[in-house]
Amino acid sequence: MKTPNAEIRIHRVTLYNSIYGADQDVLVNQHAYGIAPNDAPALAAQVRRARLDYQACLYSKAGTYLPCLLARLGSASAVLEGDDRLRVHALAADAYHVAAGLLLKHDDHGLAIITMP
C-alpha cells in the first residue's frame, strides 16, 4: 500500500486510547496495555491551559471552560483509585486555585472562599 505520509509499523505492545466526552469536548488519553496511565495527560493539559490563560490575564477565556473542567476532574476522581485518584486530586487543587483567583479578580470574595477545596 502506497500512501503519502503514512507508515505501517509493528509493535510488541498493545496501544489503546481511553476516550471521555463531555459537552463539546473530547479528552483522549493514550495508553500502552499493562502500563498504568500517567498523570491523566489530557486533564493535566487542560489544567495547564487554565493556569496559563489565568497568568496571561485571559480571565474570560479561562472562565468559559473552567466550570466544565472542574466537573470532569470530579468525575475522574469518582472513578479512579489509588495513585491515579491522588494525581487527579492534585490537578483539581490546581484548577480550584485558578477558579478562586478568577473569582477574586471579579471581586467575588465570598465565592472565592468556597472554591478552596
N, C-alpha and C. Protein backbone atom coordinates (compact mmCIF):
# COMPACT_ATOMS: atom_id res chain seq x y z
N MET A 1 0.84 -1.17 0.00
CA MET A 1 0.00 0.00 0.00
C MET A 1 0.89 1.24 0.00
N LYS A 2 0.70 2.09 -0.95
CA LYS A 2 1.48 3.31 -1.05
C LYS A 2 0.56 4.50 -0.76
N THR A 3 0.77 5.11 0.42
CA THR A 3 0.02 6.30 0.80
C THR A 3 1.03 7.34 1.26
N PRO A 4 0.97 8.54 0.70
CA PRO A 4 1.93 9.57 1.12
C PRO A 4 1.78 9.89 2.60
N ASN A 5 2.92 10.08 3.26
CA ASN A 5 2.97 10.47 4.68
C ASN A 5 2.34 9.45 5.62
N ALA A 6 2.31 8.20 5.24
CA ALA A 6 1.75 7.16 6.10
C ALA A 6 2.74 6.00 6.17
N GLU A 7 2.87 5.43 7.36
CA GLU A 7 3.74 4.27 7.57
C GLU A 7 2.99 3.22 8.34
N ILE A 8 3.31 1.97 8.09
CA ILE A 8 2.77 0.87 8.88
C ILE A 8 3.94 0.28 9.65
N ARG A 9 3.76 0.19 10.97
CA ARG A 9 4.80 -0.36 11.83
C ARG A 9 4.21 -1.43 12.73
N ILE A 10 5.03 -2.35 13.14
CA ILE A 10 4.60 -3.42 14.03
C ILE A 10 5.18 -3.15 15.42
N HIS A 11 4.31 -3.24 16.44
CA HIS A 11 4.72 -3.01 17.83
C HIS A 11 4.52 -4.30 18.61
N ARG A 12 5.30 -4.47 19.64
CA ARG A 12 5.12 -5.62 20.53
C ARG A 12 4.20 -5.28 21.69
N VAL A 13 3.81 -4.01 21.79
CA VAL A 13 2.95 -3.55 22.88
C VAL A 13 1.60 -3.15 22.31
N THR A 14 0.54 -3.57 22.98
CA THR A 14 -0.79 -3.17 22.55
C THR A 14 -1.04 -1.73 22.99
N LEU A 15 -1.39 -0.87 22.05
CA LEU A 15 -1.68 0.52 22.34
C LEU A 15 -3.19 0.73 22.26
N TYR A 16 -3.70 1.60 23.11
CA TYR A 16 -5.13 1.91 23.05
C TYR A 16 -5.36 3.30 23.60
N ASN A 17 -6.54 3.84 23.38
CA ASN A 17 -6.92 5.16 23.87
C ASN A 17 -8.12 5.01 24.79
N SER A 18 -8.15 5.79 25.84
CA SER A 18 -9.38 5.94 26.61
C SER A 18 -9.97 7.28 26.21
N ILE A 19 -11.25 7.27 25.90
CA ILE A 19 -11.91 8.46 25.37
C ILE A 19 -13.03 8.85 26.32
N TYR A 20 -13.06 10.13 26.67
CA TYR A 20 -14.09 10.68 27.55
C TYR A 20 -14.69 11.89 26.87
N GLY A 21 -15.98 11.88 26.66
CA GLY A 21 -16.65 13.01 26.01
C GLY A 21 -17.58 13.71 26.97
N ALA A 22 -17.56 15.02 26.96
CA ALA A 22 -18.46 15.83 27.77
C ALA A 22 -18.69 17.14 27.05
N ASP A 23 -19.94 17.56 27.04
CA ASP A 23 -20.30 18.79 26.34
C ASP A 23 -19.80 18.70 24.90
N GLN A 24 -18.99 19.63 24.48
CA GLN A 24 -18.48 19.61 23.11
C GLN A 24 -17.00 19.22 23.06
N ASP A 25 -16.46 18.77 24.18
CA ASP A 25 -15.05 18.40 24.25
C ASP A 25 -14.89 16.88 24.29
N VAL A 26 -13.80 16.42 23.74
CA VAL A 26 -13.44 15.01 23.82
C VAL A 26 -12.01 14.94 24.34
N LEU A 27 -11.82 14.20 25.44
CA LEU A 27 -10.49 14.00 26.01
C LEU A 27 -10.01 12.61 25.61
N VAL A 28 -8.81 12.53 25.08
CA VAL A 28 -8.25 11.25 24.65
C VAL A 28 -6.91 11.05 25.36
N ASN A 29 -6.82 9.98 26.13
CA ASN A 29 -5.57 9.61 26.78
C ASN A 29 -5.02 8.37 26.09
N GLN A 30 -3.75 8.40 25.74
CA GLN A 30 -3.12 7.25 25.09
C GLN A 30 -2.44 6.38 26.14
N HIS A 31 -2.58 5.07 25.98
CA HIS A 31 -2.02 4.12 26.94
C HIS A 31 -1.33 2.97 26.21
N ALA A 32 -0.43 2.33 26.91
CA ALA A 32 0.13 1.06 26.47
C ALA A 32 -0.43 -0.01 27.40
N TYR A 33 -0.94 -1.09 26.83
CA TYR A 33 -1.58 -2.13 27.63
C TYR A 33 -0.63 -2.65 28.70
N GLY A 34 -1.13 -2.74 29.93
CA GLY A 34 -0.33 -3.25 31.04
C GLY A 34 0.48 -2.19 31.74
N ILE A 35 0.44 -0.96 31.26
CA ILE A 35 1.16 0.14 31.91
C ILE A 35 0.14 1.16 32.36
N ALA A 36 0.18 1.53 33.64
CA ALA A 36 -0.81 2.47 34.17
C ALA A 36 -0.69 3.83 33.48
N PRO A 37 -1.84 4.49 33.23
CA PRO A 37 -1.79 5.82 32.64
C PRO A 37 -1.08 6.79 33.57
N ASN A 38 -0.30 7.69 33.00
CA ASN A 38 0.49 8.59 33.84
C ASN A 38 -0.13 9.98 33.89
N ASP A 39 -0.51 10.40 35.05
CA ASP A 39 -0.93 11.76 35.33
C ASP A 39 -2.12 12.26 34.51
N ALA A 40 -2.97 11.37 34.06
CA ALA A 40 -4.13 11.79 33.27
C ALA A 40 -3.75 12.91 32.31
N PRO A 41 -2.97 12.64 31.29
CA PRO A 41 -2.37 13.70 30.48
C PRO A 41 -3.34 14.67 29.85
N ALA A 42 -4.51 14.23 29.42
CA ALA A 42 -5.45 15.17 28.80
C ALA A 42 -5.99 16.16 29.83
N LEU A 43 -6.33 15.66 31.02
CA LEU A 43 -6.79 16.57 32.07
C LEU A 43 -5.66 17.50 32.52
N ALA A 44 -4.47 16.95 32.63
CA ALA A 44 -3.32 17.78 33.04
C ALA A 44 -3.08 18.90 32.04
N ALA A 45 -3.24 18.60 30.75
CA ALA A 45 -3.05 19.64 29.72
C ALA A 45 -4.11 20.73 29.85
N GLN A 46 -5.35 20.34 30.16
CA GLN A 46 -6.39 21.35 30.30
C GLN A 46 -6.20 22.21 31.54
N VAL A 47 -5.74 21.61 32.63
CA VAL A 47 -5.45 22.40 33.84
C VAL A 47 -4.29 23.35 33.56
N ARG A 48 -3.29 22.86 32.85
CA ARG A 48 -2.14 23.72 32.48
C ARG A 48 -2.61 24.89 31.61
N ARG A 49 -3.52 24.60 30.69
CA ARG A 49 -4.06 25.66 29.84
C ARG A 49 -4.81 26.70 30.67
N ALA A 50 -5.60 26.26 31.65
CA ALA A 50 -6.33 27.19 32.52
C ALA A 50 -5.36 28.07 33.29
N ARG A 51 -4.32 27.47 33.84
CA ARG A 51 -3.32 28.24 34.60
C ARG A 51 -2.64 29.26 33.68
N LEU A 52 -2.25 28.84 32.48
CA LEU A 52 -1.57 29.76 31.56
C LEU A 52 -2.50 30.89 31.11
N ASP A 53 -3.78 30.57 30.85
CA ASP A 53 -4.73 31.62 30.48
C ASP A 53 -4.91 32.61 31.63
N TYR A 54 -4.97 32.10 32.85
CA TYR A 54 -5.10 32.97 34.02
C TYR A 54 -3.87 33.87 34.15
N GLN A 55 -2.70 33.28 34.02
CA GLN A 55 -1.46 34.06 34.15
C GLN A 55 -1.30 35.08 33.02
N ALA A 56 -1.91 34.82 31.87
CA ALA A 56 -1.86 35.75 30.74
C ALA A 56 -2.99 36.77 30.81
N CYS A 57 -3.72 36.78 31.93
CA CYS A 57 -4.85 37.70 32.15
C CYS A 57 -5.99 37.48 31.16
N LEU A 58 -6.13 36.26 30.67
CA LEU A 58 -7.24 35.90 29.79
C LEU A 58 -8.37 35.32 30.64
N TYR A 59 -8.88 36.14 31.55
CA TYR A 59 -9.83 35.67 32.56
C TYR A 59 -11.15 35.19 31.95
N SER A 60 -11.67 35.91 30.99
CA SER A 60 -12.94 35.50 30.37
C SER A 60 -12.78 34.17 29.65
N LYS A 61 -11.66 34.00 28.97
CA LYS A 61 -11.42 32.74 28.24
C LYS A 61 -11.36 31.58 29.23
N ALA A 62 -10.57 31.72 30.29
CA ALA A 62 -10.46 30.65 31.28
C ALA A 62 -11.80 30.39 31.96
N GLY A 63 -12.55 31.44 32.19
CA GLY A 63 -13.84 31.30 32.86
C GLY A 63 -14.88 30.55 32.04
N THR A 64 -14.71 30.50 30.73
CA THR A 64 -15.69 29.80 29.90
C THR A 64 -15.56 28.29 30.00
N TYR A 65 -14.36 27.76 30.14
CA TYR A 65 -14.20 26.30 30.17
C TYR A 65 -13.86 25.74 31.55
N LEU A 66 -13.53 26.61 32.50
CA LEU A 66 -13.13 26.13 33.83
C LEU A 66 -14.24 25.36 34.56
N PRO A 67 -15.50 25.80 34.53
CA PRO A 67 -16.53 25.01 35.22
C PRO A 67 -16.64 23.57 34.70
N CYS A 68 -16.58 23.39 33.39
CA CYS A 68 -16.65 22.03 32.83
C CYS A 68 -15.41 21.22 33.20
N LEU A 69 -14.26 21.87 33.22
CA LEU A 69 -13.03 21.19 33.61
C LEU A 69 -13.12 20.71 35.05
N LEU A 70 -13.64 21.55 35.94
CA LEU A 70 -13.79 21.15 37.35
C LEU A 70 -14.74 19.95 37.46
N ALA A 71 -15.80 19.95 36.65
CA ALA A 71 -16.74 18.81 36.67
C ALA A 71 -16.05 17.54 36.17
N ARG A 72 -15.25 17.65 35.11
CA ARG A 72 -14.53 16.48 34.58
C ARG A 72 -13.55 15.94 35.61
N LEU A 73 -12.87 16.83 36.31
CA LEU A 73 -11.94 16.39 37.35
C LEU A 73 -12.68 15.66 38.46
N GLY A 74 -13.85 16.16 38.82
CA GLY A 74 -14.67 15.48 39.82
C GLY A 74 -15.11 14.10 39.36
N SER A 75 -15.51 14.00 38.10
CA SER A 75 -15.93 12.70 37.55
C SER A 75 -14.76 11.72 37.53
N ALA A 76 -13.59 12.20 37.11
CA ALA A 76 -12.42 11.33 37.07
C ALA A 76 -12.06 10.86 38.47
N SER A 77 -12.14 11.75 39.43
CA SER A 77 -11.82 11.39 40.81
C SER A 77 -12.76 10.33 41.35
N ALA A 78 -14.01 10.38 40.92
CA ALA A 78 -15.01 9.43 41.41
C ALA A 78 -14.77 8.01 40.92
N VAL A 79 -14.12 7.85 39.76
CA VAL A 79 -13.96 6.51 39.20
C VAL A 79 -12.55 5.95 39.37
N LEU A 80 -11.60 6.80 39.71
CA LEU A 80 -10.22 6.33 39.86
C LEU A 80 -9.93 5.92 41.29
N GLU A 81 -8.84 5.20 41.47
CA GLU A 81 -8.43 4.75 42.80
C GLU A 81 -6.93 4.93 42.96
N GLY A 82 -6.48 4.89 44.18
CA GLY A 82 -5.05 4.89 44.48
C GLY A 82 -4.31 6.11 43.98
N ASP A 83 -3.13 5.87 43.42
CA ASP A 83 -2.27 6.97 42.95
C ASP A 83 -2.91 7.78 41.83
N ASP A 84 -3.69 7.11 40.97
CA ASP A 84 -4.35 7.84 39.89
C ASP A 84 -5.34 8.86 40.45
N ARG A 85 -6.06 8.46 41.49
CA ARG A 85 -7.00 9.39 42.13
C ARG A 85 -6.24 10.55 42.78
N LEU A 86 -5.12 10.26 43.41
CA LEU A 86 -4.33 11.32 44.04
C LEU A 86 -3.80 12.31 43.00
N ARG A 87 -3.41 11.81 41.82
CA ARG A 87 -2.95 12.70 40.76
C ARG A 87 -4.07 13.63 40.30
N VAL A 88 -5.27 13.07 40.15
CA VAL A 88 -6.41 13.89 39.73
C VAL A 88 -6.76 14.89 40.83
N HIS A 89 -6.64 14.49 42.10
CA HIS A 89 -6.89 15.44 43.19
C HIS A 89 -5.90 16.60 43.14
N ALA A 90 -4.66 16.32 42.83
CA ALA A 90 -3.66 17.39 42.71
C ALA A 90 -4.01 18.33 41.55
N LEU A 91 -4.46 17.76 40.42
CA LEU A 91 -4.88 18.59 39.30
C LEU A 91 -6.09 19.43 39.68
N ALA A 92 -7.04 18.83 40.40
CA ALA A 92 -8.23 19.56 40.83
C ALA A 92 -7.86 20.70 41.77
N ALA A 93 -6.91 20.47 42.67
CA ALA A 93 -6.48 21.54 43.58
C ALA A 93 -5.93 22.71 42.78
N ASP A 94 -5.15 22.43 41.76
CA ASP A 94 -4.60 23.49 40.92
C ASP A 94 -5.71 24.22 40.18
N ALA A 95 -6.67 23.48 39.64
CA ALA A 95 -7.78 24.09 38.91
C ALA A 95 -8.65 24.94 39.84
N TYR A 96 -8.89 24.47 41.05
CA TYR A 96 -9.67 25.26 42.01
C TYR A 96 -8.91 26.53 42.42
N HIS A 97 -7.60 26.44 42.48
CA HIS A 97 -6.79 27.63 42.78
C HIS A 97 -6.97 28.68 41.69
N VAL A 98 -6.98 28.24 40.43
CA VAL A 98 -7.22 29.15 39.31
C VAL A 98 -8.63 29.74 39.42
N ALA A 99 -9.62 28.89 39.74
CA ALA A 99 -11.01 29.36 39.87
C ALA A 99 -11.13 30.41 40.96
N ALA A 100 -10.48 30.17 42.10
CA ALA A 100 -10.52 31.15 43.19
C ALA A 100 -9.87 32.46 42.75
N GLY A 101 -8.76 32.38 42.03
CA GLY A 101 -8.11 33.58 41.52
C GLY A 101 -9.00 34.36 40.58
N LEU A 102 -9.72 33.64 39.71
CA LEU A 102 -10.65 34.31 38.79
C LEU A 102 -11.75 35.03 39.56
N LEU A 103 -12.29 34.37 40.57
CA LEU A 103 -13.36 34.99 41.36
C LEU A 103 -12.85 36.21 42.11
N LEU A 104 -11.64 36.14 42.61
CA LEU A 104 -11.06 37.31 43.29
C LEU A 104 -10.86 38.46 42.30
N LYS A 105 -10.45 38.15 41.09
CA LYS A 105 -10.29 39.19 40.07
C LYS A 105 -11.61 39.86 39.75
N HIS A 106 -12.71 39.13 39.93
CA HIS A 106 -14.04 39.69 39.69
C HIS A 106 -14.67 40.21 40.98
N ASP A 107 -13.86 40.40 42.01
CA ASP A 107 -14.30 40.92 43.32
C ASP A 107 -15.40 40.09 43.96
N ASP A 108 -15.38 38.79 43.74
CA ASP A 108 -16.36 37.91 44.36
C ASP A 108 -15.66 37.11 45.45
N HIS A 109 -15.39 37.77 46.58
CA HIS A 109 -14.62 37.15 47.66
C HIS A 109 -15.38 35.99 48.32
N GLY A 110 -16.71 36.11 48.39
CA GLY A 110 -17.50 35.04 49.01
C GLY A 110 -17.38 33.73 48.26
N LEU A 111 -17.58 33.77 46.93
CA LEU A 111 -17.46 32.54 46.15
C LEU A 111 -16.02 32.07 46.06
N ALA A 112 -15.07 33.00 46.08
CA ALA A 112 -13.66 32.61 46.03
C ALA A 112 -13.31 31.74 47.24
N ILE A 113 -13.86 32.08 48.40
CA ILE A 113 -13.56 31.31 49.61
C ILE A 113 -14.11 29.90 49.52
N ILE A 114 -15.34 29.73 48.97
CA ILE A 114 -15.92 28.38 48.94
C ILE A 114 -15.35 27.54 47.80
N THR A 115 -14.60 28.13 46.87
CA THR A 115 -13.97 27.29 45.85
C THR A 115 -12.70 26.63 46.37
N MET A 116 -12.19 27.08 47.46
CA MET A 116 -10.98 26.47 48.01
C MET A 116 -11.34 25.10 48.56
N PRO A 117 -10.72 24.04 48.01
CA PRO A 117 -11.09 22.68 48.42
C PRO A 117 -10.68 22.37 49.85
